[in-house]
Amino acid sequence: MTSIVNQMTAQVAALNPYDSTMIIVNALVVLLLLSLLVLKELLRAGTHPRLELWMQVLNTAIVPLAIASCYIVVIRFLALLPL
């Protein structure tokens, strides 16, 4: 099963150029970050004591995604500049 998945992944990667694949990955990172930020705001509205724990868990996922999003923005901006 895993060899079939690996072969399919390699075929999809061969069909899609690097730029289109990275656009999809970048969009997924940004959408995941936005959804986690919305979820955190919804948890903040609650009053249950366990929600603080969930907010801390979300923070551990949000920080790397925020750094990745900043990196994506910088790379895309640098690609626009003529060198």
Protein backbone atom coordinates (compact mmCIF):
# COMPACT_ATOMS: atom_id res chain seq x y z
CA MET A 1 0.00 0.00 0.00
CA THR A 2 2.73 2.48 0.91
CA SER A 3 4.65 1.81 -2.28
CA ILE A 4 1.52 2.64 -4.27
CA VAL A 5 1.10 5.87 -2.31
CA ASN A 6 4.76 6.75 -2.83
CA GLN A 7 4.49 6.07 -6.57
CA MET A 8 1.33 8.17 -6.82
CA THR A 9 2.98 11.00 -4.90
CA ALA A 10 5.99 10.90 -7.19
CA GLN A 11 3.76 10.96 -10.26
CA VAL A 12 1.76 13.93 -8.97
CA ALA A 13 4.97 15.77 -8.10
CA ALA A 14 6.33 15.08 -11.57
CA LEU A 15 3.19 16.42 -13.22
CA ASN A 16 3.00 19.64 -11.21
CA PRO A 17 5.80 22.13 -11.52
CA TYR A 18 7.43 23.35 -8.33
CA ASP A 19 5.71 26.73 -8.37
CA SER A 20 2.16 25.40 -8.57
CA THR A 21 2.88 22.84 -5.85
CA MET A 22 4.31 25.51 -3.58
CA ILE A 23 1.33 27.77 -4.19
CA ILE A 24 -0.95 25.01 -2.93
CA VAL A 25 1.25 24.33 0.11
CA ASN A 26 1.50 28.04 0.90
CA ALA A 27 -2.27 28.44 0.64
CA LEU A 28 -2.80 25.49 2.95
CA VAL A 29 -0.40 26.94 5.54
CA VAL A 30 -2.16 30.29 5.49
CA LEU A 31 -5.64 28.74 5.64
CA LEU A 32 -4.63 26.48 8.53
CA LEU A 33 -3.19 29.46 10.39
CA LEU A 34 -6.37 31.48 9.88
CA SER A 35 -8.59 28.62 11.00
CA LEU A 36 -6.52 28.07 14.15
CA LEU A 37 -6.63 31.78 14.96
CA VAL A 38 -10.42 31.81 14.57
CA LEU A 39 -10.71 28.71 16.76
CA LYS A 40 -8.56 30.36 19.42
CA GLU A 41 -10.80 33.42 19.43
CA LEU A 42 -13.87 31.21 19.79
CA LEU A 43 -12.27 29.39 22.72
CA ARG A 44 -11.41 32.70 24.34
CA ALA A 45 -15.12 33.51 24.56
CA GLY A 46 -15.81 30.42 26.69
CA THR A 47 -15.65 30.24 30.48
CA HIS A 48 -14.70 26.60 31.08
CA PRO A 49 -11.34 26.18 32.89
CA ARG A 50 -10.11 23.58 30.38
CA LEU A 51 -10.33 26.09 27.57
CA GLU A 52 -7.11 27.71 28.84
CA LEU A 53 -5.31 24.42 28.27
CA TRP A 54 -6.69 24.19 24.73
CA MET A 55 -5.61 27.76 24.03
CA GLN A 56 -2.06 26.88 25.10
CA VAL A 57 -2.12 23.85 22.80
CA LEU A 58 -3.29 26.05 19.95
CA ASN A 59 -0.50 28.52 20.67
CA THR A 60 2.08 25.78 20.13
CA ALA A 61 0.59 25.17 16.68
CA ILE A 62 0.01 28.83 15.82
CA VAL A 63 3.55 30.09 16.45
CA PRO A 64 5.32 27.86 13.86
CA LEU A 65 2.55 28.49 11.34
CA ALA A 66 2.87 32.24 11.87
CA ILE A 67 6.62 32.02 11.29
CA ALA A 68 6.03 29.94 8.14
CA SER A 69 3.48 32.46 6.91
CA CYS A 70 5.92 35.33 7.42
CA TYR A 71 8.56 33.37 5.55
CA ILE A 72 6.12 32.76 2.68
CA VAL A 73 5.29 36.46 2.46
CA VAL A 74 8.96 37.47 2.45
CA ILE A 75 9.87 34.90 -0.23
CA ARG A 76 6.94 35.95 -2.43
CA PHE A 77 7.84 39.63 -1.99
CA LEU A 78 11.49 38.98 -2.87
CA ALA A 79 10.37 37.11 -5.99
CA LEU A 80 8.59 40.27 -7.16
CA LEU A 81 11.67 42.47 -6.84
CA PRO A 82 13.83 42.76 -9.93
CA LEU A 83 17.38 41.61 -9.24
